[in-house]
PDB file of N, CA and C in Angstrom:
ATOM      1  N   GLN A   1      77.647 115.557  94.823  1.00  0.00           N
ATOM      2  CA  GLN A   1      76.275 114.884  94.826  1.00  0.00           C
ATOM      3  C   GLN A   1      76.249 113.373  94.768  1.00  0.00           C
ATOM      4  N   VAL A   2      74.753 113.094  95.134  1.00  0.00           N
ATOM      5  CA  VAL A   2      74.984 112.008  96.163  1.00  0.00           C
ATOM      6  C   VAL A   2      73.373 111.442  95.127  1.00  0.00           C
ATOM      7  N   ASP A   3      73.170 110.063  94.378  1.00  0.00           N
ATOM      8  CA  ASP A   3      71.476 109.982  93.880  1.00  0.00           C
ATOM      9  C   ASP A   3      71.703 108.749  93.855  1.00  0.00           C
ATOM     10  N   PRO A   4      70.766 108.255  94.193  1.00  0.00           N
ATOM     11  CA  PRO A   4      70.690 106.412  94.775  1.00  0.00           C
ATOM     12  C   PRO A   4      69.388 106.403  93.315  1.00  0.00           C
ATOM     13  N   VAL A   5      69.136 107.217  92.720  1.00  0.00           N
ATOM     14  CA  VAL A   5      67.677 107.229  91.771  1.00  0.00           C
ATOM     15  C   VAL A   5      68.149 107.209  90.324  1.00  0.00           C
ATOM     16  N   GLY A   6      68.040 106.371  89.581  1.00  0.00           N
ATOM     17  CA  GLY A   6      68.972 105.882  88.157  1.00  0.00           C
ATOM     18  C   GLY A   6      70.363 106.047  88.174  1.00  0.00           C
ATOM     19  N   CYS A   7      71.049 105.795  89.343  1.00  0.00           N
ATOM     20  CA  CYS A   7      71.702 105.142  89.604  1.00  0.00           C
ATOM     21  C   CYS A   7      72.144 103.066  89.115  1.00  0.00           C
ATOM     22  N   PRO A   8      72.868 102.706  88.470  1.00  0.00           N
ATOM     23  CA  PRO A   8      72.533 101.442  87.879  1.00  0.00           C
ATOM     24  C   PRO A   8      73.031 100.334  88.950  1.00  0.00           C
ATOM     25  N   THR A   9      74.284 101.104  90.707  1.00  0.00           N
ATOM     26  CA  THR A   9      74.503 100.346  91.210  1.00  0.00           C
ATOM     27  C   THR A   9      73.302 100.990  92.683  1.00  0.00           C
ATOM     28  N   ARG A  10      73.658 100.165  94.080  1.00  0.00           N
ATOM     29  CA  ARG A  10      72.962 100.839  94.988  1.00  0.00           C
ATOM     30  C   ARG A  10      73.484 102.649  95.068  1.00  0.00           C
ATOM     31  N   LEU A  11      74.098 103.247  94.887  1.00  0.00           N
ATOM     32  CA  LEU A  11      74.815 104.329  95.433  1.00  0.00           C
ATOM     33  C   LEU A  11      75.622 104.804  94.230  1.00  0.00           C
ATOM     34  N   CYS A  12      75.133 105.830  93.890  1.00  0.00           N
ATOM     35  CA  CYS A  12      76.332 106.669  92.949  1.00  0.00           C
ATOM     36  C   CYS A  12      76.184 108.701  93.638  1.00  0.00           C
ATOM     37  N   VAL A  13      77.964 108.706  93.229  1.00  0.00           N
ATOM     38  CA  VAL A  13      78.473 109.632  94.153  1.00  0.00           C
ATOM     39  C   VAL A  13      78.698 110.361  93.496  1.00  0.00           C
ATOM     40  N   SER A  14      78.914 111.479  92.644  1.00  0.00           N
ATOM     41  CA  SER A  14      79.616 112.656  91.510  1.00  0.00           C
ATOM     42  C   SER A  14      80.009 113.666  92.165  1.00  0.00           C
ATOM     43  N   VAL A  15      81.199 113.756  91.403  1.00  0.00           N
ATOM     44  CA  VAL A  15      82.225 114.832  92.401  1.00  0.00           C
ATOM     45  C   VAL A  15      82.796 116.065  91.149  1.00  0.00           C
ATOM     46  N   ALA A  16      83.092 117.482  91.526  1.00  0.00           N
ATOM     47  CA  ALA A  16      83.141 118.181  90.246  1.00  0.00           C
ATOM     48  C   ALA A  16      85.122 117.978  90.523  1.00  0.00           C
ATOM     49  N   VAL A  17      85.919 117.551  89.271  1.00  0.00           N
ATOM     50  CA  VAL A  17      87.197 118.241  89.421  1.00  0.00           C
ATOM     51  C   VAL A  17      87.581 119.010  89.155  1.00  0.00           C
ATOM     52  N   ARG A  18      88.239 120.493  89.084  1.00  0.00           N
ATOM     53  CA  ARG A  18      88.601 121.566  87.948  1.00  0.00           C
ATOM     54  C   ARG A  18      90.132 121.821  88.695  1.00  0.00           C
ATOM     55  N   ASN A  19      90.740 121.910  87.393  1.00  0.00           N
ATOM     56  CA  ASN A  19      91.757 122.398  87.056  1.00  0.00           C
ATOM     57  C   ASN A  19      92.684 123.775  87.537  1.00  0.00           C
ATOM     58  N   GLU A  20      93.268 123.574  89.078  1.00  0.00           N
ATOM     59  CA  GLU A  20      93.198 125.129  89.251  1.00  0.00           C
ATOM     60  C   GLU A  20      94.433 125.308  89.670  1.00  0.00           C
ATOM     61  N   GLY A  21      94.982 124.949  88.499  1.00  0.00           N
ATOM     62  CA  GLY A  21      96.386 125.178  88.181  1.00  0.00           C
ATOM     63  C   GLY A  21      96.845 125.977  86.634  1.00  0.00           C
ATOM     64  N   LYS A  22      98.328 126.050  86.416  1.00  0.00           N
ATOM     65  CA  LYS A  22      98.525 126.873  85.352  1.00  0.00           C
ATOM     66  C   LYS A  22      98.532 126.294  84.056  1.00  0.00           C
ATOM     67  N   PHE A  23      98.855 124.958  83.988  1.00  0.00           N
ATOM     68  CA  PHE A  23      99.473 123.867  82.836  1.00  0.00           C
ATOM     69  C   PHE A  23      98.021 122.918  82.583  1.00  0.00           C
ATOM     70  N   PRO A  24      97.614 122.197  81.378  1.00  0.00           N
ATOM     71  CA  PRO A  24      96.239 121.464  81.488  1.00  0.00           C
ATOM     72  C   PRO A  24      97.099 120.325  81.873  1.00  0.00           C
ATOM     73  N   GLY A  25      96.511 119.561  82.189  1.00  0.00           N
ATOM     74  CA  GLY A  25      96.464 118.328  83.110  1.00  0.00           C
ATOM     75  C   GLY A  25      94.984 117.191  83.346  1.00  0.00           C
ATOM     76  N   SER A  26      95.316 116.323  83.828  1.00  0.00           N
ATOM     77  CA  SER A  26      94.016 114.933  83.968  1.00  0.00           C
ATOM     78  C   SER A  26      94.621 114.705  85.427  1.00  0.00           C
ATOM     79  N   GLU A  27      93.712 114.193  85.913  1.00  0.00           N
ATOM     80  CA  GLU A  27      93.213 113.725  87.559  1.00  0.00           C
ATOM     81  C   GLU A  27      93.106 112.180  87.327  1.00  0.00           C
ATOM     82  N   VAL A  28      93.660 111.653  88.645  1.00  0.00           N
ATOM     83  CA  VAL A  28      93.053 109.984  89.227  1.00  0.00           C
ATOM     84  C   VAL A  28      92.124 110.529  90.056  1.00  0.00           C
ATOM     85  N   ALA A  29      90.926 110.706  90.217  1.00  0.00           N
ATOM     86  CA  ALA A  29      90.105 111.133  91.336  1.00  0.00           C
ATOM     87  C   ALA A  29      89.707 109.648  92.051  1.00  0.00           C
ATOM     88  N   GLN A  30      90.247 109.412  93.320  1.00  0.00           N
ATOM     89  CA  GLN A  30      90.086 108.327  94.141  1.00  0.00           C
ATOM     90  C   GLN A  30      88.961 108.316  95.597  1.00  0.00           C
ATOM     91  N   ALA A  31      88.035 107.239  95.285  1.00  0.00           N
ATOM     92  CA  ALA A  31      87.346 107.631  96.304  1.00  0.00           C
ATOM     93  C   ALA A  31      87.720 106.327  97.615  1.00  0.00           C
ATOM     94  N   TYR A  32      87.573 106.434  98.742  1.00  0.00           N
ATOM     95  CA  TYR A  32      87.750 106.097  99.746  1.00  0.00           C
ATOM     96  C   TYR A  32      86.753 105.944 100.927  1.00  0.00           C
ATOM     97  N   LEU A  33      86.662 104.662 101.130  1.00  0.00           N
ATOM     98  CA  LEU A  33      85.135 104.505 102.194  1.00  0.00           C
ATOM     99  C   LEU A  33      85.221 104.642 103.552  1.00  0.00           C
ATOM    100  N   SER A  34      84.833 104.486 104.808  1.00  0.00           N
ATOM    101  CA  SER A  34      85.097 104.252 105.812  1.00  0.00           C
ATOM    102  C   SER A  34      83.415 103.917 106.737  1.00  0.00           C
ATOM    103  N   PHE A  35      84.281 102.657 107.665  1.00  0.00           N
ATOM    104  CA  PHE A  35      82.010 102.503 107.599  1.00  0.00           C
ATOM    105  C   PHE A  35      82.378 103.417 109.349  1.00  0.00           C
ATOM    106  N   PRO A  36      82.195 104.344 110.068  1.00  0.00           N
ATOM    107  CA  PRO A  36      81.772 105.034 111.351  1.00  0.00           C
ATOM    108  C   PRO A  36      81.183 103.441 112.182  1.00  0.00           C
ATOM    109  N   LYS A  37      80.055 103.031 111.651  1.00  0.00           N
ATOM    110  CA  LYS A  37      79.265 102.228 112.460  1.00  0.00           C
ATOM    111  C   LYS A  37      80.491 101.044 113.256  1.00  0.00           C
ATOM    112  N   ASP A  38      81.877 100.033 112.201  1.00  0.00           N
ATOM    113  CA  ASP A  38      81.840  98.998 112.167  1.00  0.00           C
ATOM    114  C   ASP A  38      83.133  99.270 112.348  1.00  0.00           C
ATOM    115  N   PRO A  39      83.585  98.911 114.137  1.00  0.00           N
ATOM    116  CA  PRO A  39      84.623  99.270 115.042  1.00  0.00           C
ATOM    117  C   PRO A  39      85.467  98.461 114.354  1.00  0.00           C
ATOM    118  N   HIS A  40      84.969  97.213 113.739  1.00  0.00           N
ATOM    119  CA  HIS A  40      86.472  96.568 112.981  1.00  0.00           C
ATOM    120  C   HIS A  40      86.874  97.165 112.037  1.00  0.00           C
ATOM    121  N   ALA A  41      86.198  97.414 110.899  1.00  0.00           N
ATOM    122  CA  ALA A  41      86.527  97.695 109.932  1.00  0.00           C
ATOM    123  C   ALA A  41      88.352  98.671 109.337  1.00  0.00           C
ATOM    124  N   PRO A  42      88.684  98.618 108.319  1.00  0.00           N
ATOM    125  CA  PRO A  42      89.961  99.342 108.218  1.00  0.00           C
ATOM    126  C   PRO A  42      89.778 100.971 108.653  1.00  0.00           C
ATOM    127  N   SER A  43      89.796 102.079 109.057  1.00  0.00           N
ATOM    128  CA  SER A  43      90.005 103.253 108.820  1.00  0.00           C
ATOM    129  C   SER A  43      89.195 104.256 107.382  1.00  0.00           C
ATOM    130  N   ARG A  44      89.941 103.108 106.095  1.00  0.00           N
ATOM    131  CA  ARG A  44      89.237 103.981 105.410  1.00  0.00           C
ATOM    132  C   ARG A  44      89.931 102.447 103.773  1.00  0.00           C
ATOM    133  N   VAL A  45      88.954 102.496 102.956  1.00  0.00           N
ATOM    134  CA  VAL A  45      89.333 101.530 101.911  1.00  0.00           C
ATOM    135  C   VAL A  45      89.144 101.952 100.580  1.00  0.00           C
ATOM    136  N   LEU A  46      90.237 101.872  99.800  1.00  0.00           N
ATOM    137  CA  LEU A  46      89.642 102.443  98.257  1.00  0.00           C
ATOM    138  C   LEU A  46      88.871 101.740  97.841  1.00  0.00           C
ATOM    139  N   ARG A  47      87.762 102.517  97.092  1.00  0.00           N
ATOM    140  CA  ARG A  47      86.185 101.313  96.135  1.00  0.00           C
ATOM    141  C   ARG A  47      86.431 101.952  95.011  1.00  0.00           C
ATOM    142  N   GLY A  48      87.047 102.820  94.388  1.00  0.00           N
ATOM    143  CA  GLY A  48      86.685 103.708  92.933  1.00  0.00           C
ATOM    144  C   GLY A  48      87.949 104.501  93.114  1.00  0.00           C
ATOM    145  N   PHE A  49      88.020 104.350  91.534  1.00  0.00           N
ATOM    146  CA  PHE A  49      89.329 106.129  90.930  1.00  0.00           C
ATOM    147  C   PHE A  49      88.736 106.116  89.255  1.00  0.00           C
ATOM    148  N   GLU A  50      88.733 107.101  88.494  1.00  0.00           N
ATOM    149  CA  GLU A  50      87.990 107.586  88.288  1.00  0.00           C
ATOM    150  C   GLU A  50      89.459 108.688  86.998  1.00  0.00           C
ATOM    151  N   LYS A  51      89.792 108.701  85.926  1.00  0.00           N
ATOM    152  CA  LYS A  51      90.685 109.315  85.666  1.00  0.00           C
ATOM    153  C   LYS A  51      89.698 110.799  84.495  1.00  0.00           C
ATOM    154  N   THR A  52      89.932 111.746  84.713  1.00  0.00           N
ATOM    155  CA  THR A  52      89.686 113.032  83.961  1.00  0.00           C
ATOM    156  C   THR A  52      89.725 113.120  82.319  1.00  0.00           C
ATOM    157  N   THR A  53      89.244 113.675  81.905  1.00  0.00           N
ATOM    158  CA  THR A  53      90.322 114.104  80.150  1.00  0.00           C
ATOM    159  C   THR A  53      91.387 115.060  80.877  1.00  0.00           C
ATOM    160  N   VAL A  54      92.395 115.437  79.471  1.00  0.00           N
ATOM    161  CA  VAL A  54      93.539 116.425  79.671  1.00  0.00           C
ATOM    162  C   VAL A  54      92.148 117.766  80.170  1.00  0.00           C
ATOM    163  N   LEU A  55      92.821 118.078  81.255  1.00  0.00           N
ATOM    164  CA  LEU A  55      91.494 119.254  81.912  1.00  0.00           C
ATOM    165  C   LEU A  55      92.762 121.083  81.632  1.00  0.00           C
ATOM    166  N   GLN A  56      92.199 121.561  80.740  1.00  0.00           N
ATOM    167  CA  GLN A  56      92.634 123.035  80.200  1.00  0.00           C
ATOM    168  C   GLN A  56      92.137 124.002  81.917  1.00  0.00           C
ATOM    169  N   PRO A  57      93.651 124.964  82.174  1.00  0.00           N
ATOM    170  CA  PRO A  57      93.082 125.774  83.458  1.00  0.00           C
ATOM    171  C   PRO A  57      91.702 126.173  82.984  1.00  0.00           C
ATOM    172  N   GLY A  58      91.222 125.742  84.746  1.00  0.00           N
ATOM    173  CA  GLY A  58      89.986 126.806  85.071  1.00  0.00           C
ATOM    174  C   GLY A  58      88.347 125.686  84.870  1.00  0.00           C
ATOM    175  N   ASP A  59      89.125 124.732  83.640  1.00  0.00           N
ATOM    176  CA  ASP A  59      87.937 123.648  82.941  1.00  0.00           C
ATOM    177  C   ASP A  59      87.559 122.890  83.907  1.00  0.00           C
ATOM    178  N   GLU A  60      86.743 121.961  84.402  1.00  0.00           N
ATOM    179  CA  GLU A  60      86.037 121.403  85.178  1.00  0.00           C
ATOM    180  C   GLU A  60      85.666 120.169  85.139  1.00  0.00           C
ATOM    181  N   GLU A  61      85.520 119.149  85.114  1.00  0.00           N
ATOM    182  CA  GLU A  61      84.463 118.040  85.042  1.00  0.00           C
ATOM    183  C   GLU A  61      83.958 117.096  86.357  1.00  0.00           C
ATOM    184  N   THR A  62      82.669 116.416  85.788  1.00  0.00           N
ATOM    185  CA  THR A  62      81.812 115.672  86.615  1.00  0.00           C
ATOM    186  C   THR A  62      82.578 114.143  86.496  1.00  0.00           C
ATOM    187  N   VAL A  63      82.880 113.074  87.697  1.00  0.00           N
ATOM    188  CA  VAL A  63      83.001 112.172  87.502  1.00  0.00           C
ATOM    189  C   VAL A  63      82.471 111.195  88.300  1.00  0.00           C
ATOM    190  N   THR A  64      82.354 110.094  88.303  1.00  0.00           N
ATOM    191  CA  THR A  64      80.704 109.517  89.201  1.00  0.00           C
ATOM    192  C   THR A  64      81.358 108.121  89.738  1.00  0.00           C
ATOM    193  N   PHE A  65      81.112 108.082  90.925  1.00  0.00           N
ATOM    194  CA  PHE A  65      81.604 106.766  91.652  1.00  0.00           C
ATOM    195  C   PHE A  65      80.165 105.728  91.720  1.00  0.00           C
ATOM    196  N   ALA A  66      80.346 105.148  91.148  1.00  0.00           N
ATOM    197  CA  ALA A  66      79.170 103.610  91.229  1.00  0.00           C
ATOM    198  C   ALA A  66      79.328 102.492  92.155  1.00  0.00           C
ATOM    199  N   LEU A  67      78.885 102.501  93.554  1.00  0.00           N
ATOM    200  CA  LEU A  67      79.405 102.123  94.634  1.00  0.00           C
ATOM    201  C   LEU A  67      78.004 101.082  94.647  1.00  0.00           C
ATOM    202  N   SER A  68      78.585 100.127  94.676  1.00  0.00           N
ATOM    203  CA  SER A  68      78.081  98.770  94.420  1.00  0.00           C
ATOM    204  C   SER A  68      77.540  97.991  96.177  1.00  0.00           C
ATOM    205  N   ASP A  69      76.353  96.928  96.332  1.00  0.00           N
ATOM    206  CA  ASP A  69      76.408  96.404  97.851  1.00  0.00           C
ATOM    207  C   ASP A  69      77.974  96.276  98.548  1.00  0.00           C
ATOM    208  N   ARG A  70      78.502  95.885  97.330  1.00  0.00           N
ATOM    209  CA  ARG A  70      79.960  94.755  98.215  1.00  0.00           C
ATOM    210  C   ARG A  70      80.633  96.184  98.594  1.00  0.00           C
ATOM    211  N   ASP A  71      80.480  97.206  97.722  1.00  0.00           N
ATOM    212  CA  ASP A  71      81.684  98.448  97.911  1.00  0.00           C
ATOM    213  C   ASP A  71      81.156  99.087  99.795  1.00  0.00           C
ATOM    214  N   LEU A  72      79.759  98.690  99.926  1.00  0.00           N
ATOM    215  CA  LEU A  72      79.201  99.440 100.764  1.00  0.00           C
ATOM    216  C   LEU A  72      78.560  98.594 102.072  1.00  0.00           C
ATOM    217  N   SER A  73      79.781  97.355 102.258  1.00  0.00           N
ATOM    218  CA  SER A  73      79.542  96.139 103.215  1.00  0.00           C
ATOM    219  C   SER A  73      80.678  96.178 104.259  1.00  0.00           C
ATOM    220  N   THR A  74      80.848  95.482 104.664  1.00  0.00           N
ATOM    221  CA  THR A  74      83.001  95.183 105.751  1.00  0.00           C
ATOM    222  C   THR A  74      82.290  93.799 105.768  1.00  0.00           C
ATOM    223  N   TYR A  75      83.376  93.302 105.725  1.00  0.00           N
ATOM    224  CA  TYR A  75      83.516  91.757 105.826  1.00  0.00           C
ATOM    225  C   TYR A  75      83.838  91.467 107.588  1.00  0.00           C
ATOM    226  N   ALA A  76      82.977  90.156 108.203  1.00  0.00           N
ATOM    227  CA  ALA A  76      83.223  89.850 109.169  1.00  0.00           C
ATOM    228  C   ALA A  76      83.703  88.078 109.358  1.00  0.00           C
ATOM    229  N   VAL A  77      85.196  87.458 109.733  1.00  0.00           N
ATOM    230  CA  VAL A  77      84.885  85.899 109.664  1.00  0.00           C
ATOM    231  C   VAL A  77      83.652  85.716 110.174  1.00  0.00           C
ATOM    232  N   GLY A  78      83.046  84.546 109.529  1.00  0.00           N
ATOM    233  CA  GLY A  78      82.322  83.756 110.342  1.00  0.00           C
ATOM    234  C   GLY A  78      80.614  84.570 110.158  1.00  0.00           C
ATOM    235  N   LYS A  79      80.964  85.618 110.058  1.00  0.00           N
ATOM    236  CA  LYS A  79      79.711  86.176 109.809  1.00  0.00           C
ATOM    237  C   LYS A  79      79.068  86.826 107.968  1.00  0.00           C
ATOM    238  N   GLY A  80      80.412  86.974 107.440  1.00  0.00           N
ATOM    239  CA  GLY A  80      80.468  87.308 105.854  1.00  0.00           C
ATOM    240  C   GLY A  80      80.506  88.723 105.429  1.00  0.00           C
ATOM    241  N   TRP A  81      79.849  89.062 104.853  1.00  0.00           N
ATOM    242  CA  TRP A  81      79.604  90.369 104.390  1.00  0.00           C
ATOM    243  C   TRP A  81      78.057  91.507 105.184  1.00  0.00           C
ATOM    244  N   ALA A  82      78.516  92.381 105.387  1.00  0.00           N
ATOM    245  CA  ALA A  82      77.179  92.832 106.076  1.00  0.00           C
ATOM    246  C   ALA A  82      76.944  94.525 105.374  1.00  0.00           C
ATOM    247  N   LEU A  83      75.822  94.513 104.567  1.00  0.00           N
ATOM    248  CA  LEU A  83      75.751  95.989 104.340  1.00  0.00           C
ATOM    249  C   LEU A  83      75.082  97.139 104.824  1.00  0.00           C
ATOM    250  N   GLN A  84      76.834  98.006 105.416  1.00  0.00           N
ATOM    251  CA  GLN A  84      76.398  99.332 105.880  1.00  0.00           C
ATOM    252  C   GLN A  84      75.032 100.320 106.000  1.00  0.00           C
ATOM    253  N   SER A  85      74.969 101.000 107.225  1.00  0.00           N
ATOM    254  CA  SER A  85      73.144 101.827 107.079  1.00  0.00           C
ATOM    255  C   SER A  85      74.521 103.016 106.642  1.00  0.00           C
ATOM    256  N   GLU A  86      75.494 103.239 106.589  1.00  0.00           N
ATOM    257  CA  GLU A  86      76.059 104.296 106.815  1.00  0.00           C
ATOM    258  C   GLU A  86      77.826 104.063 106.528  1.00  0.00           C
ATOM    259  N   ALA A  87      78.161 105.216 105.526  1.00  0.00           N
ATOM    260  CA  ALA A  87      79.240 105.194 105.182  1.00  0.00           C
ATOM    261  C   ALA A  87      80.289 106.728 105.219  1.00  0.00           C
ATOM    262  N   LYS A  88      81.241 106.896 105.441  1.00  0.00           N
ATOM    263  CA  LYS A  88      81.746 107.761 104.886  1.00  0.00           C
ATOM    264  C   LYS A  88      82.709 107.622 103.564  1.00  0.00           C
ATOM    265  N   ILE A  89      82.530 108.979 102.483  1.00  0.00           N
ATOM    266  CA  ILE A  89      83.104 108.767 101.397  1.00  0.00           C
ATOM    267  C   ILE A  89      84.262 109.729 101.443  1.00  0.00           C
ATOM    268  N   LEU A  90      85.550 109.624 101.584  1.00  0.00           N
ATOM    269  CA  LEU A  90      86.555 110.427 100.902  1.00  0.00           C
ATOM    270  C   LEU A  90      87.000 110.879  99.487  1.00  0.00           C
ATOM    271  N   VAL A  91      87.249 111.473  99.316  1.00  0.00           N
ATOM    272  CA  VAL A  91      87.943 111.760  97.290  1.00  0.00           C
ATOM    273  C   VAL A  91      88.768 112.898  97.498  1.00  0.00           C
ATOM    274  N   GLY A  92      89.897 112.322  97.014  1.00  0.00           N
ATOM    275  CA  GLY A  92      90.912 112.855  96.709  1.00  0.00           C
ATOM    276  C   GLY A  92      91.956 112.394  96.006  1.00  0.00           C
ATOM    277  N   SER A  93      92.829 113.185  95.448  1.00  0.00           N
ATOM    278  CA  SER A  93      94.131 112.339  94.665  1.00  0.00           C
ATOM    279  C   SER A  93      95.199 111.162  94.755  1.00  0.00           C
ATOM    280  N   SER A  94      95.218 110.809  96.059  1.00  0.00           N
ATOM    281  CA  SER A  94      95.555 110.024  96.640  1.00  0.00           C
ATOM    282  C   SER A  94      95.151 110.118  98.209  1.00  0.00           C
ATOM    283  N   SER A  95      95.054 108.725  98.871  1.00  0.00           N
ATOM    284  CA  SER A  95      95.028 108.351 100.159  1.00  0.00           C
ATOM    285  C   SER A  95      95.100 109.381 101.131  1.00  0.00           C
ATOM    286  N   ALA A  96      96.900 110.006 100.683  1.00  0.00           N
ATOM    287  CA  ALA A  96      97.322 111.210 101.771  1.00  0.00           C
ATOM    288  C   ALA A  96      96.980 112.631 101.060  1.00  0.00           C
ATOM    289  N   ASP A  97      95.801 112.702 100.364  1.00  0.00           N
ATOM    290  CA  ASP A  97      95.463 113.993  99.750  1.00  0.00           C
ATOM    291  C   ASP A  97      93.851 114.168  99.270  1.00  0.00           C
ATOM    292  N   MET A  98      92.920 113.756 100.609  1.00  0.00           N
ATOM    293  CA  MET A  98      91.967 113.868 100.438  1.00  0.00           C
ATOM    294  C   MET A  98      91.171 115.359 100.681  1.00  0.00           C
ATOM    295  N   ARG A  99      90.476 115.429  99.788  1.00  0.00           N
ATOM    296  CA  ARG A  99      89.791 116.899  99.013  1.00  0.00           C
ATOM    297  C   ARG A  99      88.449 117.181 100.151  1.00  0.00           C
ATOM    298  N   GLY A 100      87.535 116.273 100.094  1.00  0.00           N
ATOM    299  CA  GLY A 100      86.614 115.957 100.567  1.00  0.00           C
ATOM    300  C   GLY A 100      86.041 115.027 101.263  1.00  0.00           C
ATOM    301  N   GLU A 101      84.822 114.911 101.815  1.00  0.00           N
ATOM    302  CA  GLU A 101      84.260 114.039 102.152  1.00  0.00           C
ATOM    303  C   GLU A 101      82.960 114.438 102.832  1.00  0.00           C
ATOM    304  N   LEU A 102      82.035 113.759 102.227  1.00  0.00           N
ATOM    305  CA  LEU A 102      80.815 113.111 103.126  1.00  0.00           C
ATOM    306  C   LEU A 102      80.346 112.196 103.256  1.00  0.00           C
ATOM    307  N   LEU A 103      79.319 112.369 104.936  1.00  0.00           N
ATOM    308  CA  LEU A 103      78.653 111.016 105.346  1.00  0.00           C
ATOM    309  C   LEU A 103      77.640 110.830 104.395  1.00  0.00           C
ATOM    310  N   LEU A 104      77.272 109.339 104.178  1.00  0.00           N
ATOM    311  CA  LEU A 104      76.302 109.013 103.341  1.00  0.00           C
ATOM    312  C   LEU A 104      75.185 107.842 103.770  1.00  0.00           C
ATOM    313  N   GLN A 105      74.064 107.546 103.615  1.00  0.00           N
ATOM    314  CA  GLN A 105      73.237 107.270 104.579  1.00  0.00           C
ATOM    315  C   GLN A 105      73.225 106.264 103.239  1.00  0.00           C
ATOM    316  N   VAL A 106      72.528 104.978 103.246  1.00  0.00           N
ATOM    317  CA  VAL A 106      72.852 103.711 102.534  1.00  0.00           C
ATOM    318  C   VAL A 106      71.604 103.375 102.311  1.00  0.00           C
ATOM    319  N   PRO A 107      70.585 103.612 101.223  1.00  0.00           N
ATOM    320  CA  PRO A 107      69.625 103.216 100.874  1.00  0.00           C
ATOM    321  C   PRO A 107      69.371 101.234 101.221  1.00  0.00           C
ATOM    322  N   ALA A 108      68.412 101.074 102.445  1.00  0.00           N
ATOM    323  CA  ALA A 108      68.282  99.533 102.743  1.00  0.00           C
ATOM    324  C   ALA A 108      68.155  98.384 101.369  1.00  0.00           C
ATOM    325  N   ALA A 109      68.878  97.413 101.482  1.00  0.00           N
ATOM    326  CA  ALA A 109      68.758  96.339 100.677  1.00  0.00           C
ATOM    327  C   ALA A 109      67.612  95.476 100.524  1.00  0.00           C
ATOM    328  N   ALA A 110      67.656  95.369  99.425  1.00  0.00           N
ATOM    329  CA  ALA A 110      66.304  94.586  99.229  1.00  0.00           C
ATOM    330  C   ALA A 110      66.533  93.039 100.110  1.00  0.00           C
ATOM    331  N   ALA A 111      65.543  92.285 100.079  1.00  0.00           N
ATOM    332  CA  ALA A 111      65.478  90.876 100.699  1.00  0.00           C
ATOM    333  C   ALA A 111      66.402  90.278  99.276  1.00  0.00           C
ATOM    334  N   GLY A 112      67.144  89.388 100.467  1.00  0.00           N
ATOM    335  CA  GLY A 112      67.514  88.437  99.069  1.00  0.00           C
ATOM    336  C   GLY A 112      68.670  89.018  98.094  1.00  0.00           C
ATOM    337  N   VAL A 113      69.375  89.595  98.748  1.00  0.00           N
ATOM    338  CA  VAL A 113      70.349  90.734  97.838  1.00  0.00           C
ATOM    339  C   VAL A 113      71.234  90.126  98.422  1.00  0.00           C
ATOM    340  N   ALA A 114      72.590  89.204  97.078  1.00  0.00           N
ATOM    341  CA  ALA A 114      73.769  88.571  97.553  1.00  0.00           C
ATOM    342  C   ALA A 114      74.435  89.373  97.644  1.00  0.00           C
ATOM    343  N   LEU A 115      75.956  89.725  98.663  1.00  0.00           N
ATOM    344  CA  LEU A 115      76.988  90.312  98.427  1.00  0.00           C
ATOM    345  C   LEU A 115      77.848  89.560  97.838  1.00  0.00           C
TER     346      LEU A 115
END
């Protein structure tokens, strides 16, 4: 779920994490961003992580990633930070284990917002 309204930052993305195993456990959900419109940006950048409580088998918990202007920006030498209009969020338990992805349309920045 993506929610720009009521979010303390530019954009909030909520993800359901479910224990599909046979034993209780917790998970550290990691959020990576890539920027398809910037050919010079890294392929993916870690922008947040949230640990769940201990989940019993079958239990589910929602974690929320609050993405700031800086999180949704790329840096270019000589130009500085630039808020991107589009970002792909990938969420998983590690950079090698992505479980979901979504293309985000980033709300426009207000004039004079410092990154």
